[in-house]
Amino acid sequence: MPTLIDRDRLRSLVEAGAQLVEVLPAEEYREEHLPGAISIPLRQVDRQAEGALAKDRAVVVYCADLY
């Protein structure tokens, strides 16, 4: 279930081993992303998530689109 979190909660989740997923297009991921984040563009989540993410770890999905 999606939940909006703040920076402090993000830090604690990452410290506990959460996986960060940037869902903007790959070009935008290459320009800038959070340290340790992987790129799975939103249109490809269904196809790529299972092979790219560990099932036993939390997942934080984010979009840094500020426009």
Protein backbone atom coordinates (compact mmCIF):
# COMPACT_ATOMS: atom_id res chain seq x y z
CA MET A 1 0.00 0.00 0.00
CA PRO A 2 1.56 3.36 -1.01
CA THR A 3 2.35 5.72 1.85
CA LEU A 4 3.73 9.24 1.69
CA ILE A 5 6.85 9.59 3.86
CA ASP A 6 9.15 12.42 4.91
CA ARG A 7 12.96 12.60 4.68
CA ASP A 8 13.54 11.27 8.19
CA ARG A 9 11.40 8.20 7.50
CA LEU A 10 13.19 7.71 4.17
CA ARG A 11 16.57 7.78 5.92
CA SER A 12 15.47 5.23 8.49
CA LEU A 13 14.03 2.93 5.82
CA VAL A 14 17.23 3.11 3.74
CA GLU A 15 19.36 2.47 6.83
CA ALA A 16 17.21 -0.60 7.49
CA GLY A 17 17.87 -1.89 3.95
CA ALA A 18 15.00 -0.50 1.87
CA GLN A 19 15.45 -0.43 -1.89
CA LEU A 20 15.09 2.94 -3.63
CA VAL A 21 13.42 2.98 -7.04
CA GLU A 22 13.36 6.10 -9.24
CA VAL A 23 10.44 5.83 -11.68
CA LEU A 24 11.22 8.73 -14.00
CA PRO A 25 12.55 7.91 -17.50
CA ALA A 26 16.13 6.58 -17.63
CA GLU A 27 17.45 9.83 -19.11
CA GLU A 28 16.27 11.77 -16.08
CA TYR A 29 17.67 9.12 -13.73
CA ARG A 30 21.09 9.56 -15.35
CA GLU A 31 20.90 13.32 -14.76
CA GLU A 32 20.21 13.04 -11.04
CA HIS A 33 18.96 10.48 -8.53
CA LEU A 34 19.25 9.61 -4.87
CA PRO A 35 22.40 7.68 -3.88
CA GLY A 36 21.80 3.95 -4.13
CA ALA A 37 18.60 4.28 -6.16
CA ILE A 38 17.92 2.05 -9.13
CA SER A 39 16.08 3.10 -12.25
CA ILE A 40 12.86 1.38 -13.18
CA PRO A 41 10.84 3.77 -15.36
CA LEU A 42 7.17 3.81 -14.39
CA ARG A 43 6.05 2.35 -17.72
CA GLN A 44 8.37 -0.63 -17.14
CA VAL A 45 7.66 -1.36 -13.46
CA ASP A 46 5.42 -4.34 -14.19
CA ARG A 47 8.07 -5.97 -16.39
CA GLN A 48 11.25 -5.13 -14.45
CA ALA A 49 10.36 -5.02 -10.75
CA GLU A 50 10.27 -8.76 -10.11
CA GLY A 51 13.75 -9.35 -11.49
CA ALA A 52 15.31 -6.19 -10.09
CA LEU A 53 14.00 -6.07 -6.52
CA ALA A 54 14.53 -8.33 -3.54
CA LYS A 55 11.20 -9.61 -2.22
CA ASP A 56 12.39 -9.64 1.39
CA ARG A 57 13.25 -5.91 1.55
CA ALA A 58 11.05 -2.81 1.69
CA VAL A 59 10.76 -0.75 -1.48
CA VAL A 60 10.62 3.05 -1.65
CA VAL A 61 9.41 4.31 -5.01
CA TYR A 62 9.93 7.97 -5.78
CA CYS A 63 9.64 10.48 -8.56
CA ALA A 64 11.80 13.60 -8.38
CA ASP A 65 9.91 15.47 -11.07
CA LEU A 66 9.71 19.06 -9.83
CA TYR A 67 7.96 20.54 -12.88
